[in-house]
C-alpha atoms as a PDB file:
ATOM      1  CA  MET A   1     -66.194 -10.146  -1.534  1.00  0.00           C
ATOM      2  CA  ILE A   2     -64.555 -12.746   0.451  1.00  0.00           C
ATOM      3  CA  ILE A   3     -64.583 -13.249   3.965  1.00  0.00           C
ATOM      4  CA  TYR A   4     -61.438 -14.924   5.951  1.00  0.00           C
ATOM      5  CA  ASN A   5     -62.672 -16.141   9.225  1.00  0.00           C
ATOM      6  CA  VAL A   6     -60.765 -17.301  12.220  1.00  0.00           C
ATOM      7  CA  THR A   7     -62.809 -18.810  14.721  1.00  0.00           C
ATOM      8  CA  SER A   8     -60.688 -19.104  18.337  1.00  0.00           C
ATOM      9  CA  ASN A   9     -61.518 -20.938  21.655  1.00  0.00           C
ATOM     10  CA  ILE A  10     -60.045 -19.120  24.357  1.00  0.00           C
ATOM     11  CA  ASP A  11     -59.097 -20.770  27.555  1.00  0.00           C
ATOM     12  CA  GLU A  12     -61.150 -18.861  30.286  1.00  0.00           C
ATOM     13  CA  SER A  13     -58.352 -18.085  32.533  1.00  0.00           C
ATOM     14  CA  ILE A  14     -56.815 -15.887  29.323  1.00  0.00           C
ATOM     15  CA  GLN A  15     -59.719 -14.799  28.080  1.00  0.00           C
ATOM     16  CA  GLU A  16     -59.602 -10.729  29.116  1.00  0.00           C
ATOM     17  CA  GLU A  17     -55.980 -10.826  28.061  1.00  0.00           C
ATOM     18  CA  TRP A  18     -56.569 -12.342  24.588  1.00  0.00           C
ATOM     19  CA  LEU A  19     -59.760 -10.136  24.184  1.00  0.00           C
ATOM     20  CA  THR A  20     -57.067  -6.990  24.875  1.00  0.00           C
ATOM     21  CA  TRP A  21     -54.535  -8.596  22.451  1.00  0.00           C
ATOM     22  CA  ILE A  22     -56.926  -9.624  19.666  1.00  0.00           C
ATOM     23  CA  LYS A  23     -58.582  -5.679  19.879  1.00  0.00           C
ATOM     24  CA  GLU A  24     -54.744  -4.676  19.165  1.00  0.00           C
ATOM     25  CA  HIS A  25     -54.015  -7.611  16.754  1.00  0.00           C
ATOM     26  CA  ILE A  26     -56.829  -6.711  14.365  1.00  0.00           C
ATOM     27  CA  PRO A  27     -55.528  -3.289  13.358  1.00  0.00           C
ATOM     28  CA  GLN A  28     -52.147  -4.868  12.642  1.00  0.00           C
ATOM     29  CA  VAL A  29     -54.017  -7.268  10.212  1.00  0.00           C
ATOM     30  CA  LEU A  30     -55.724  -4.341   8.605  1.00  0.00           C
ATOM     31  CA  ALA A  31     -52.711  -2.268   8.294  1.00  0.00           C
ATOM     32  CA  THR A  32     -51.463  -4.973   5.765  1.00  0.00           C
ATOM     33  CA  GLY A  33     -53.770  -3.460   3.442  1.00  0.00           C
ATOM     34  CA  LYS A  34     -55.138  -6.883   2.296  1.00  0.00           C
ATOM     35  CA  PHE A  35     -58.557  -6.201   3.781  1.00  0.00           C
ATOM     36  CA  GLU A  36     -60.974  -3.582   4.100  1.00  0.00           C
ATOM     37  CA  LYS A  37     -63.140  -4.187   6.924  1.00  0.00           C
ATOM     38  CA  ALA A  38     -62.862  -6.806  10.245  1.00  0.00           C
ATOM     39  CA  THR A  39     -65.774  -7.774  12.636  1.00  0.00           C
ATOM     40  CA  LEU A  40     -64.968  -9.276  16.128  1.00  0.00           C
ATOM     41  CA  VAL A  41     -67.828 -11.439  17.486  1.00  0.00           C
ATOM     42  CA  LYS A  42     -68.562 -13.704  20.529  1.00  0.00           C
ATOM     43  CA  VAL A  43     -69.799 -17.296  19.766  1.00  0.00           C
ATOM     44  CA  LEU A  44     -73.150 -17.741  22.137  1.00  0.00           C
ATOM     45  CA  VAL A  45     -73.041 -21.341  21.639  1.00  0.00           C
ATOM     46  CA  GLU A  46     -71.268 -23.129  24.410  1.00  0.00           C
ATOM     47  CA  GLU A  47     -68.518 -25.562  23.573  1.00  0.00           C
ATOM     48  CA  ASP A  48     -68.364 -29.352  25.121  1.00  0.00           C
ATOM     49  CA  MET A  49     -64.779 -28.425  25.402  1.00  0.00           C
ATOM     50  CA  GLY A  50     -65.074 -25.389  27.450  1.00  0.00           C
ATOM     51  CA  GLY A  51     -63.615 -22.019  27.025  1.00  0.00           C
ATOM     52  CA  VAL A  52     -65.371 -19.065  25.255  1.00  0.00           C
ATOM     53  CA  THR A  53     -65.169 -19.072  21.760  1.00  0.00           C
ATOM     54  CA  TYR A  54     -64.672 -15.679  19.488  1.00  0.00           C
ATOM     55  CA  SER A  55     -64.537 -15.163  15.498  1.00  0.00           C
ATOM     56  CA  VAL A  56     -62.897 -12.513  13.637  1.00  0.00           C
ATOM     57  CA  GLN A  57     -64.226 -11.894  10.116  1.00  0.00           C
ATOM     58  CA  TYR A  58     -61.793  -9.934   7.697  1.00  0.00           C
ATOM     59  CA  LYS A  59     -63.536  -8.754   4.206  1.00  0.00           C
ATOM     60  CA  THR A  60     -61.451  -8.593   1.309  1.00  0.00           C
ATOM     61  CA  ASN A  61     -62.484  -7.859  -2.176  1.00  0.00           C
ATOM     62  CA  SER A  62     -60.344 -10.339  -3.849  1.00  0.00           C
ATOM     63  CA  ARG A  63     -58.969 -13.584  -3.399  1.00  0.00           C
ATOM     64  CA  GLU A  64     -55.412 -12.034  -4.880  1.00  0.00           C
ATOM     65  CA  ALA A  65     -55.465  -9.959  -1.724  1.00  0.00           C
ATOM     66  CA  LEU A  66     -56.050 -13.062   0.292  1.00  0.00           C
ATOM     67  CA  GLU A  67     -53.538 -14.967  -1.067  1.00  0.00           C
ATOM     68  CA  ALA A  68     -51.052 -12.110  -0.574  1.00  0.00           C
ATOM     69  CA  TYR A  69     -51.982 -11.778   2.951  1.00  0.00           C
ATOM     70  CA  TYR A  70     -51.289 -15.699   3.353  1.00  0.00           C
ATOM     71  CA  LYS A  71     -48.003 -15.178   1.862  1.00  0.00           C
ATOM     72  CA  ASP A  72     -46.498 -12.027   2.881  1.00  0.00           C
ATOM     73  CA  ASP A  73     -48.180 -11.438   6.425  1.00  0.00           C
ATOM     74  CA  ALA A  74     -49.952 -14.256   7.978  1.00  0.00           C
ATOM     75  CA  PRO A  75     -46.705 -16.438   9.345  1.00  0.00           C
ATOM     76  CA  LYS A  76     -45.549 -13.539  11.210  1.00  0.00           C
ATOM     77  CA  LEU A  77     -48.825 -12.461  12.442  1.00  0.00           C
ATOM     78  CA  ARG A  78     -49.873 -15.797  13.313  1.00  0.00           C
ATOM     79  CA  SER A  79     -46.942 -16.835  15.426  1.00  0.00           C
ATOM     80  CA  GLU A  80     -47.217 -13.830  17.533  1.00  0.00           C
ATOM     81  CA  GLY A  81     -50.517 -14.991  19.135  1.00  0.00           C
ATOM     82  CA  PHE A  82     -49.041 -18.457  19.462  1.00  0.00           C
ATOM     83  CA  LYS A  83     -46.131 -17.432  21.196  1.00  0.00           C
ATOM     84  CA  LYS A  84     -48.035 -15.268  23.513  1.00  0.00           C
ATOM     85  CA  PHE A  85     -50.829 -17.924  24.540  1.00  0.00           C
ATOM     86  CA  GLY A  86     -49.848 -21.402  23.404  1.00  0.00           C
ATOM     87  CA  ASP A  87     -52.312 -24.167  23.535  1.00  0.00           C
ATOM     88  CA  LYS A  88     -54.493 -22.059  25.723  1.00  0.00           C
ATOM     89  CA  VAL A  89     -56.191 -20.972  22.074  1.00  0.00           C
ATOM     90  CA  LEU A  90     -57.339 -23.210  19.684  1.00  0.00           C
ATOM     91  CA  SER A  91     -58.040 -21.678  16.247  1.00  0.00           C
ATOM     92  CA  PHE A  92     -59.459 -22.499  12.839  1.00  0.00           C
ATOM     93  CA  ARG A  93     -59.532 -20.781   9.685  1.00  0.00           C
ATOM     94  CA  THR A  94     -62.083 -20.888   6.819  1.00  0.00           C
ATOM     95  CA  GLU A  95     -62.738 -18.480   3.737  1.00  0.00           C
ATOM     96  CA  LEU A  96     -66.310 -17.747   3.081  1.00  0.00           C
ATOM     97  CA  GLN A  97     -67.447 -16.208  -0.240  1.00  0.00           C
ATOM     98  CA  ILE A  98     -70.435 -13.679   0.083  1.00  0.00           C
ATOM     99  CA  ILE A  99     -73.114 -14.558  -2.634  1.00  0.00           C
ATOM    100  CA  ASP A 100     -76.107 -12.026  -2.115  1.00  0.00           C
ATOM    101  CA  GLU A 101     -76.411  -9.845   1.159  1.00  0.00           C
ATOM    102  CA  TYR A 102     -79.932  -8.565   2.670  1.00  0.00           C
ATOM    103  CA  SER A 103     -81.530  -6.141   4.671  1.00  0.00           C
ATOM    104  CA  VAL A 104     -84.918  -5.116   6.033  1.00  0.00           C
ATOM    105  CA  ASN A 105     -85.348  -2.694   3.046  1.00  0.00           C
ATOM    106  CA  PHE A 106     -84.029  -5.102   0.350  1.00  0.00           C
ATOM    107  CA  ASN A 107     -85.515  -4.180  -2.966  1.00  0.00           C
ATOM    108  CA  PRO A 108     -84.789  -6.978  -5.556  1.00  0.00           C
ATOM    109  CA  PRO A 109     -83.460  -5.631  -8.869  1.00  0.00           C
ATOM    110  CA  THR A 110     -85.722  -5.768 -12.020  1.00  0.00           C
ATOM    111  CA  PRO A 111     -85.148  -7.201 -14.862  1.00  0.00           C
ATOM    112  CA  LYS A 112     -84.252  -4.897 -17.419  1.00  0.00           C
ATOM    113  CA  GLY A 113     -87.208  -3.531 -19.328  1.00  0.00           C
ATOM    114  CA  ARG A 114     -89.241  -3.783 -16.599  1.00  0.00           C
ATOM    115  CA  ASN A 115     -91.089  -1.270 -14.502  1.00  0.00           C
ATOM    116  CA  ARG A 116     -89.970   1.431 -17.368  1.00  0.00           C
ATOM    117  CA  LYS A 117     -92.327   4.003 -18.516  1.00  0.00           C
ATOM    118  CA  LYS A 118     -92.658   3.698 -22.482  1.00  0.00           C
ATOM    119  CA  LYS A 119     -91.791   6.958 -23.778  1.00  0.00           C
ATOM    120  CA  LYS A 120     -94.677   8.877 -25.424  1.00  0.00           C
ATOM    121  CA  GLU A 121     -94.115   9.094 -29.515  1.00  0.00           C
END
């Protein structure tokens, strides 16, 4: 699984307008068919540069889907936000690869052959 992460610092004067816009923008990105899921989060660390920071994490199962997004969809979708907000939004993008996921109820897999009951002969 690959996460395409877009972190954006938003000028406080447009924060509410940007939030409304991004909540409409995310479904447009998902409609490209390149991602399975997206998560919008607020970064809870104050930035020295001011503003409010958010992150959108788009999840895809393949590198090929992400590359296709860059080629086919990203230029148009990125330009829409830039036209609307200009330099009041500063974004940077990162790619993350999920290695493992854990939860409270995590049960690690057992090596083959362990914890198996032997058949009675």
